[in-house]
Amino acid sequence: MTGPTPEPTPSPGPDEPLGEPRWPMAAAVVTAMVLTVLLPDDLRLAPRWLLPSVEGLLLLALIAGDPGRIDRRSAALRTLSIALVGVLALSAVWSTVQLVDDILHAGKETSSAVSLLQTGGTVWAGTVLAFSLLYFELDGGGPAARAHRMPSAPALAFPQQLDPRLSRADWRPYFIDYLYLGLTNATAFSPTDVMPLAPWAKIAMGIQSLVSLLILGLVVARAVNVLA
């Protein structure tokens, strides 16, 4: 004799927010903080502790203001989110510029192939995380806005939006979707399955592709030269 069949968990109604968990975004920020600490001193924008401390404080403020799932729409939280992404992006761009300068002028980080590959990989991973968080924060007004209502004309068109038959009617992009976008754009140097529609999205993806191509091209070329 079997027990009663459990009732299925009801899906959120059309007026209920579909907020995503905070932890994937927070994990990405913490990873970026660790990568900043691991960078050589002359590739960091500020002292080893400063940027990670600022990023950590901004992240804690976001978690305190909207714990659990990201669904609270607030001008203050939106400002904190953009500030956090801005600090991460500025740090990534600065490290990229300094790495390129070191490669072109045979800096100490470029004298060893192992050291160069480690440093280049750290800078490259930092740019992937920074741009992923940038897409995550700017698309559709940010994650809190997307939790309440997806825009009719998205800035970034995912396959599930281009063909609604591929997903549920209430589908929303989560951070993992933007992380995948940042990773594939950094390795293919062009859009793959996500199409940029808004001007800012085209500019951001174009810049990321150029930065990634610059890092990988110069690092690999310099490493081959050192080994030779």
C-alpha atoms as a PDB file:
ATOM      1  CA  MET A   1       0.000   0.000   0.000  1.00  0.00           C
ATOM      2  CA  THR A   2       1.468   3.289  -1.073  1.00  0.00           C
ATOM      3  CA  GLY A   3       1.144   6.635   0.685  1.00  0.00           C
ATOM      4  CA  PRO A   4      -0.517   9.675  -0.748  1.00  0.00           C
ATOM      5  CA  THR A   5       1.073  11.205  -3.810  1.00  0.00           C
ATOM      6  CA  PRO A   6       2.902  14.416  -2.845  1.00  0.00           C
ATOM      7  CA  GLU A   7       1.505  17.532  -4.399  1.00  0.00           C
ATOM      8  CA  PRO A   8       3.817  19.305  -6.858  1.00  0.00           C
ATOM      9  CA  THR A   9       5.475  22.489  -5.672  1.00  0.00           C
ATOM     10  CA  PRO A  10       3.509  25.377  -7.138  1.00  0.00           C
ATOM     11  CA  SER A  11       5.307  27.704  -9.496  1.00  0.00           C
ATOM     12  CA  PRO A  12       5.417  31.392  -8.663  1.00  0.00           C
ATOM     13  CA  GLY A  13       2.438  33.288  -9.943  1.00  0.00           C
ATOM     14  CA  PRO A  14       2.728  35.940 -12.634  1.00  0.00           C
ATOM     15  CA  ASP A  15       2.980  38.714 -10.025  1.00  0.00           C
ATOM     16  CA  GLU A  16       5.490  36.957  -7.766  1.00  0.00           C
ATOM     17  CA  PRO A  17       9.190  37.824  -8.179  1.00  0.00           C
ATOM     18  CA  LEU A  18      11.491  35.113  -9.511  1.00  0.00           C
ATOM     19  CA  GLY A  19      14.616  36.145  -7.636  1.00  0.00           C
ATOM     20  CA  GLU A  20      17.763  34.084  -8.035  1.00  0.00           C
ATOM     21  CA  PRO A  21      20.025  33.011  -5.165  1.00  0.00           C
ATOM     22  CA  ARG A  22      22.676  35.526  -4.165  1.00  0.00           C
ATOM     23  CA  TRP A  23      25.477  33.001  -3.592  1.00  0.00           C
ATOM     24  CA  PRO A  24      26.646  32.426  -7.235  1.00  0.00           C
ATOM     25  CA  MET A  25      27.184  36.146  -7.738  1.00  0.00           C
ATOM     26  CA  ALA A  26      28.836  36.423  -4.305  1.00  0.00           C
ATOM     27  CA  ALA A  27      31.129  33.474  -5.079  1.00  0.00           C
ATOM     28  CA  ALA A  28      32.229  35.178  -8.303  1.00  0.00           C
ATOM     29  CA  VAL A  29      33.055  38.388  -6.426  1.00  0.00           C
ATOM     30  CA  VAL A  30      35.034  36.505  -3.765  1.00  0.00           C
ATOM     31  CA  THR A  31      36.943  34.648  -6.495  1.00  0.00           C
ATOM     32  CA  ALA A  32      37.786  37.958  -8.179  1.00  0.00           C
ATOM     33  CA  MET A  33      39.002  39.282  -4.815  1.00  0.00           C
ATOM     34  CA  VAL A  34      41.288  36.265  -4.383  1.00  0.00           C
ATOM     35  CA  LEU A  35      42.653  36.694  -7.926  1.00  0.00           C
ATOM     36  CA  THR A  36      43.472  40.332  -7.144  1.00  0.00           C
ATOM     37  CA  VAL A  37      45.413  39.289  -4.042  1.00  0.00           C
ATOM     38  CA  LEU A  38      47.379  36.725  -6.073  1.00  0.00           C
ATOM     39  CA  LEU A  39      48.532  39.279  -8.648  1.00  0.00           C
ATOM     40  CA  PRO A  40      52.073  40.689  -8.505  1.00  0.00           C
ATOM     41  CA  ASP A  41      52.298  44.087  -6.842  1.00  0.00           C
ATOM     42  CA  ASP A  42      52.966  46.073 -10.009  1.00  0.00           C
ATOM     43  CA  LEU A  43      49.881  44.625 -11.742  1.00  0.00           C
ATOM     44  CA  ARG A  44      47.460  45.775  -9.044  1.00  0.00           C
ATOM     45  CA  LEU A  45      45.738  49.160  -9.070  1.00  0.00           C
ATOM     46  CA  ALA A  46      46.143  49.595  -5.303  1.00  0.00           C
ATOM     47  CA  PRO A  47      47.836  47.915  -2.312  1.00  0.00           C
ATOM     48  CA  ARG A  48      47.110  44.207  -1.945  1.00  0.00           C
ATOM     49  CA  TRP A  49      44.412  44.662   0.713  1.00  0.00           C
ATOM     50  CA  LEU A  50      42.629  47.807  -0.530  1.00  0.00           C
ATOM     51  CA  LEU A  51      40.517  46.704  -3.507  1.00  0.00           C
ATOM     52  CA  PRO A  52      39.488  43.340  -1.980  1.00  0.00           C
ATOM     53  CA  SER A  53      38.466  45.204   1.186  1.00  0.00           C
ATOM     54  CA  VAL A  54      36.337  47.694  -0.772  1.00  0.00           C
ATOM     55  CA  GLU A  55      34.769  44.900  -2.829  1.00  0.00           C
ATOM     56  CA  GLY A  56      34.108  42.844   0.296  1.00  0.00           C
ATOM     57  CA  LEU A  57      32.387  45.737   2.066  1.00  0.00           C
ATOM     58  CA  LEU A  58      30.195  46.447  -0.970  1.00  0.00           C
ATOM     59  CA  LEU A  59      29.285  42.757  -1.217  1.00  0.00           C
ATOM     60  CA  LEU A  60      28.389  42.558   2.475  1.00  0.00           C
ATOM     61  CA  ALA A  61      26.207  45.661   2.129  1.00  0.00           C
ATOM     62  CA  LEU A  62      24.365  44.048  -0.784  1.00  0.00           C
ATOM     63  CA  ILE A  63      23.840  40.808   1.126  1.00  0.00           C
ATOM     64  CA  ALA A  64      22.576  42.692   4.184  1.00  0.00           C
ATOM     65  CA  GLY A  65      20.213  44.823   2.107  1.00  0.00           C
ATOM     66  CA  ASP A  66      18.811  41.930   0.067  1.00  0.00           C
ATOM     67  CA  PRO A  67      19.676  38.551   1.637  1.00  0.00           C
ATOM     68  CA  GLY A  68      18.688  35.191   0.212  1.00  0.00           C
ATOM     69  CA  ARG A  69      17.262  35.755  -3.224  1.00  0.00           C
ATOM     70  CA  ILE A  70      17.878  38.883  -5.295  1.00  0.00           C
ATOM     71  CA  ASP A  71      14.453  40.459  -5.682  1.00  0.00           C
ATOM     72  CA  ARG A  72      14.447  43.748  -3.777  1.00  0.00           C
ATOM     73  CA  ARG A  73      14.320  46.791  -6.053  1.00  0.00           C
ATOM     74  CA  SER A  74      16.117  49.698  -4.412  1.00  0.00           C
ATOM     75  CA  ALA A  75      18.023  52.683  -5.791  1.00  0.00           C
ATOM     76  CA  ALA A  76      20.596  52.354  -3.002  1.00  0.00           C
ATOM     77  CA  LEU A  77      21.210  48.654  -3.670  1.00  0.00           C
ATOM     78  CA  ARG A  78      21.379  49.332  -7.393  1.00  0.00           C
ATOM     79  CA  THR A  79      24.026  51.993  -6.776  1.00  0.00           C
ATOM     80  CA  LEU A  80      26.037  49.605  -4.602  1.00  0.00           C
ATOM     81  CA  SER A  81      25.845  46.882  -7.255  1.00  0.00           C
ATOM     82  CA  ILE A  82      27.039  49.184 -10.020  1.00  0.00           C
ATOM     83  CA  ALA A  83      29.820  50.504  -7.772  1.00  0.00           C
ATOM     84  CA  LEU A  84      30.975  46.934  -7.068  1.00  0.00           C
ATOM     85  CA  VAL A  85      30.986  46.026 -10.749  1.00  0.00           C
ATOM     86  CA  GLY A  86      32.779  49.268 -11.551  1.00  0.00           C
ATOM     87  CA  VAL A  87      35.577  48.543  -9.078  1.00  0.00           C
ATOM     88  CA  LEU A  88      35.978  45.009 -10.444  1.00  0.00           C
ATOM     89  CA  ALA A  89      36.032  46.216 -14.054  1.00  0.00           C
ATOM     90  CA  LEU A  90      38.509  49.016 -13.302  1.00  0.00           C
ATOM     91  CA  SER A  91      40.800  46.585 -11.515  1.00  0.00           C
ATOM     92  CA  ALA A  92      40.646  44.099 -14.410  1.00  0.00           C
ATOM     93  CA  VAL A  93      41.365  46.748 -17.053  1.00  0.00           C
ATOM     94  CA  TRP A  94      44.256  48.192 -15.042  1.00  0.00           C
ATOM     95  CA  SER A  95      45.838  44.765 -14.584  1.00  0.00           C
ATOM     96  CA  THR A  96      45.462  44.073 -18.301  1.00  0.00           C
ATOM     97  CA  VAL A  97      47.173  47.333 -19.259  1.00  0.00           C
ATOM     98  CA  GLN A  98      50.027  46.704 -16.826  1.00  0.00           C
ATOM     99  CA  LEU A  99      50.465  43.124 -18.057  1.00  0.00           C
ATOM    100  CA  VAL A 100      50.667  44.278 -21.676  1.00  0.00           C
ATOM    101  CA  ASP A 101      53.201  46.943 -20.687  1.00  0.00           C
ATOM    102  CA  ASP A 102      55.316  44.352 -18.877  1.00  0.00           C
ATOM    103  CA  ILE A 103      55.252  42.032 -21.879  1.00  0.00           C
ATOM    104  CA  LEU A 104      56.220  44.783 -24.305  1.00  0.00           C
ATOM    105  CA  HIS A 105      59.036  46.010 -22.055  1.00  0.00           C
ATOM    106  CA  ALA A 106      60.218  42.574 -20.839  1.00  0.00           C
ATOM    107  CA  GLY A 107      59.201  43.099 -17.222  1.00  0.00           C
ATOM    108  CA  LYS A 108      60.190  40.729 -14.441  1.00  0.00           C
ATOM    109  CA  GLU A 109      56.890  38.786 -14.647  1.00  0.00           C
ATOM    110  CA  THR A 110      57.693  37.927 -18.279  1.00  0.00           C
ATOM    111  CA  SER A 111      61.185  36.505 -17.770  1.00  0.00           C
ATOM    112  CA  SER A 112      59.850  33.078 -16.827  1.00  0.00           C
ATOM    113  CA  ALA A 113      57.338  31.196 -18.960  1.00  0.00           C
ATOM    114  CA  VAL A 114      55.716  29.626 -15.900  1.00  0.00           C
ATOM    115  CA  SER A 115      55.381  32.959 -14.107  1.00  0.00           C
ATOM    116  CA  LEU A 116      54.064  34.621 -17.257  1.00  0.00           C
ATOM    117  CA  LEU A 117      51.420  31.954 -17.851  1.00  0.00           C
ATOM    118  CA  GLN A 118      50.314  32.055 -14.214  1.00  0.00           C
ATOM    119  CA  THR A 119      50.079  35.850 -14.190  1.00  0.00           C
ATOM    120  CA  GLY A 120      48.410  35.993 -17.591  1.00  0.00           C
ATOM    121  CA  GLY A 121      45.887  33.343 -16.580  1.00  0.00           C
ATOM    122  CA  THR A 122      45.067  35.237 -13.386  1.00  0.00           C
ATOM    123  CA  VAL A 123      44.515  38.508 -15.258  1.00  0.00           C
ATOM    124  CA  TRP A 124      42.455  36.765 -17.941  1.00  0.00           C
ATOM    125  CA  ALA A 125      40.237  35.006 -15.382  1.00  0.00           C
ATOM    126  CA  GLY A 126      39.712  38.314 -13.603  1.00  0.00           C
ATOM    127  CA  THR A 127      38.484  39.959 -16.799  1.00  0.00           C
ATOM    128  CA  VAL A 128      36.072  37.076 -17.445  1.00  0.00           C
ATOM    129  CA  LEU A 129      34.532  37.468 -13.984  1.00  0.00           C
ATOM    130  CA  ALA A 130      34.399  41.272 -14.236  1.00  0.00           C
ATOM    131  CA  PHE A 131      32.610  41.248 -17.597  1.00  0.00           C
ATOM    132  CA  SER A 132      30.278  38.450 -16.497  1.00  0.00           C
ATOM    133  CA  LEU A 133      29.205  40.550 -13.522  1.00  0.00           C
ATOM    134  CA  LEU A 134      28.887  43.579 -15.805  1.00  0.00           C
ATOM    135  CA  TYR A 135      26.458  41.744 -18.102  1.00  0.00           C
ATOM    136  CA  PHE A 136      24.626  40.352 -15.069  1.00  0.00           C
ATOM    137  CA  GLU A 137      24.153  43.793 -13.544  1.00  0.00           C
ATOM    138  CA  LEU A 138      23.260  45.826 -16.647  1.00  0.00           C
ATOM    139  CA  ASP A 139      21.026  43.451 -18.608  1.00  0.00           C
ATOM    140  CA  GLY A 140      17.330  44.174 -18.128  1.00  0.00           C
ATOM    141  CA  GLY A 141      17.926  46.668 -15.330  1.00  0.00           C
ATOM    142  CA  GLY A 142      19.748  44.183 -13.111  1.00  0.00           C
ATOM    143  CA  PRO A 143      18.797  40.912 -11.387  1.00  0.00           C
ATOM    144  CA  ALA A 144      16.226  42.473  -9.031  1.00  0.00           C
ATOM    145  CA  ALA A 145      14.382  44.121 -11.917  1.00  0.00           C
ATOM    146  CA  ARG A 146      14.494  40.911 -13.972  1.00  0.00           C
ATOM    147  CA  ALA A 147      13.034  39.006 -11.019  1.00  0.00           C
ATOM    148  CA  HIS A 148       9.877  41.102 -11.239  1.00  0.00           C
ATOM    149  CA  ARG A 149       9.547  41.565 -14.968  1.00  0.00           C
ATOM    150  CA  MET A 150      11.655  40.684 -17.980  1.00  0.00           C
ATOM    151  CA  PRO A 151      11.955  43.509 -20.536  1.00  0.00           C
ATOM    152  CA  SER A 152      10.118  43.067 -23.822  1.00  0.00           C
ATOM    153  CA  ALA A 153      13.257  44.145 -25.700  1.00  0.00           C
ATOM    154  CA  PRO A 154      16.301  42.614 -23.927  1.00  0.00           C
ATOM    155  CA  ALA A 155      19.814  43.980 -24.275  1.00  0.00           C
ATOM    156  CA  LEU A 156      21.194  40.434 -24.472  1.00  0.00           C
ATOM    157  CA  ALA A 157      19.126  37.817 -26.299  1.00  0.00           C
ATOM    158  CA  PHE A 158      19.592  34.288 -24.956  1.00  0.00           C
ATOM    159  CA  PRO A 159      18.472  31.231 -26.964  1.00  0.00           C
ATOM    160  CA  GLN A 160      15.481  30.777 -24.634  1.00  0.00           C
ATOM    161  CA  GLN A 161      14.342  34.291 -25.553  1.00  0.00           C
ATOM    162  CA  LEU A 162      14.959  33.899 -29.268  1.00  0.00           C
ATOM    163  CA  ASP A 163      12.922  30.676 -29.322  1.00  0.00           C
ATOM    164  CA  PRO A 164      10.371  30.459 -26.454  1.00  0.00           C
ATOM    165  CA  ARG A 165       9.792  26.773 -27.254  1.00  0.00           C
ATOM    166  CA  LEU A 166      13.142  26.026 -25.595  1.00  0.00           C
ATOM    167  CA  SER A 167      12.063  27.080 -22.102  1.00  0.00           C
ATOM    168  CA  ARG A 168       9.227  27.835 -19.721  1.00  0.00           C
ATOM    169  CA  ALA A 169       7.239  31.010 -20.144  1.00  0.00           C
ATOM    170  CA  ASP A 170       8.687  32.422 -16.906  1.00  0.00           C
ATOM    171  CA  TRP A 171      12.342  31.730 -17.813  1.00  0.00           C
ATOM    172  CA  ARG A 172      14.904  34.251 -16.567  1.00  0.00           C
ATOM    173  CA  PRO A 173      18.684  34.386 -17.153  1.00  0.00           C
ATOM    174  CA  TYR A 174      20.629  33.704 -13.958  1.00  0.00           C
ATOM    175  CA  PHE A 175      24.242  34.487 -13.132  1.00  0.00           C
ATOM    176  CA  ILE A 176      25.460  31.164 -14.558  1.00  0.00           C
ATOM    177  CA  ASP A 177      24.077  32.266 -17.947  1.00  0.00           C
ATOM    178  CA  TYR A 178      26.084  35.499 -17.809  1.00  0.00           C
ATOM    179  CA  LEU A 179      29.200  33.670 -16.614  1.00  0.00           C
ATOM    180  CA  TYR A 180      28.903  31.335 -19.604  1.00  0.00           C
ATOM    181  CA  LEU A 181      28.479  34.375 -21.852  1.00  0.00           C
ATOM    182  CA  GLY A 182      31.615  35.991 -20.418  1.00  0.00           C
ATOM    183  CA  LEU A 183      33.637  32.774 -20.787  1.00  0.00           C
ATOM    184  CA  THR A 184      32.603  31.965 -24.349  1.00  0.00           C
ATOM    185  CA  ASN A 185      33.016  35.565 -25.504  1.00  0.00           C
ATOM    186  CA  ALA A 186      36.539  35.562 -24.032  1.00  0.00           C
ATOM    187  CA  THR A 187      37.517  32.329 -25.801  1.00  0.00           C
ATOM    188  CA  ALA A 188      35.722  32.700 -29.136  1.00  0.00           C
ATOM    189  CA  PHE A 189      36.390  36.475 -29.374  1.00  0.00           C
ATOM    190  CA  SER A 190      32.846  36.898 -30.688  1.00  0.00           C
ATOM    191  CA  PRO A 191      29.220  36.149 -29.725  1.00  0.00           C
ATOM    192  CA  THR A 192      28.332  32.465 -29.574  1.00  0.00           C
ATOM    193  CA  ASP A 193      24.757  31.677 -28.510  1.00  0.00           C
ATOM    194  CA  VAL A 194      23.915  35.037 -26.874  1.00  0.00           C
ATOM    195  CA  MET A 195      23.311  37.973 -29.199  1.00  0.00           C
ATOM    196  CA  PRO A 196      24.027  41.573 -28.102  1.00  0.00           C
ATOM    197  CA  LEU A 197      21.146  43.831 -29.131  1.00  0.00           C
ATOM    198  CA  ALA A 198      21.649  47.051 -27.164  1.00  0.00           C
ATOM    199  CA  PRO A 199      24.564  49.361 -28.082  1.00  0.00           C
ATOM    200  CA  TRP A 200      26.125  49.046 -24.618  1.00  0.00           C
ATOM    201  CA  ALA A 201      26.070  45.244 -24.909  1.00  0.00           C
ATOM    202  CA  LYS A 202      27.785  45.334 -28.302  1.00  0.00           C
ATOM    203  CA  ILE A 203      30.435  47.728 -26.987  1.00  0.00           C
ATOM    204  CA  ALA A 204      31.038  45.671 -23.822  1.00  0.00           C
ATOM    205  CA  MET A 205      31.297  42.367 -25.685  1.00  0.00           C
ATOM    206  CA  GLY A 206      33.555  43.953 -28.293  1.00  0.00           C
ATOM    207  CA  ILE A 207      35.873  45.360 -25.637  1.00  0.00           C
ATOM    208  CA  GLN A 208      35.990  42.038 -23.814  1.00  0.00           C
ATOM    209  CA  SER A 209      36.852  40.193 -27.028  1.00  0.00           C
ATOM    210  CA  LEU A 210      39.688  42.614 -27.799  1.00  0.00           C
ATOM    211  CA  VAL A 211      41.032  42.475 -24.229  1.00  0.00           C
ATOM    212  CA  SER A 212      40.951  38.682 -24.193  1.00  0.00           C
ATOM    213  CA  LEU A 213      42.611  38.446 -27.604  1.00  0.00           C
ATOM    214  CA  LEU A 214      45.300  40.877 -26.469  1.00  0.00           C
ATOM    215  CA  ILE A 215      46.020  38.977 -23.250  1.00  0.00           C
ATOM    216  CA  LEU A 216      46.054  35.496 -24.752  1.00  0.00           C
ATOM    217  CA  GLY A 217      47.925  36.504 -27.907  1.00  0.00           C
ATOM    218  CA  LEU A 218      50.700  38.406 -26.162  1.00  0.00           C
ATOM    219  CA  VAL A 219      51.068  35.947 -23.281  1.00  0.00           C
ATOM    220  CA  VAL A 220      51.330  32.920 -25.555  1.00  0.00           C
ATOM    221  CA  ALA A 221      53.710  34.688 -27.943  1.00  0.00           C
ATOM    222  CA  ARG A 222      55.941  35.874 -25.101  1.00  0.00           C
ATOM    223  CA  ALA A 223      55.906  32.445 -23.417  1.00  0.00           C
ATOM    224  CA  VAL A 224      56.966  30.752 -26.674  1.00  0.00           C
ATOM    225  CA  ASN A 225      59.733  33.326 -27.086  1.00  0.00           C
ATOM    226  CA  VAL A 226      60.996  32.731 -23.531  1.00  0.00           C
ATOM    227  CA  LEU A 227      60.977  28.953 -23.989  1.00  0.00           C
ATOM    228  CA  ALA A 228      62.807  29.257 -27.296  1.00  0.00           C
END
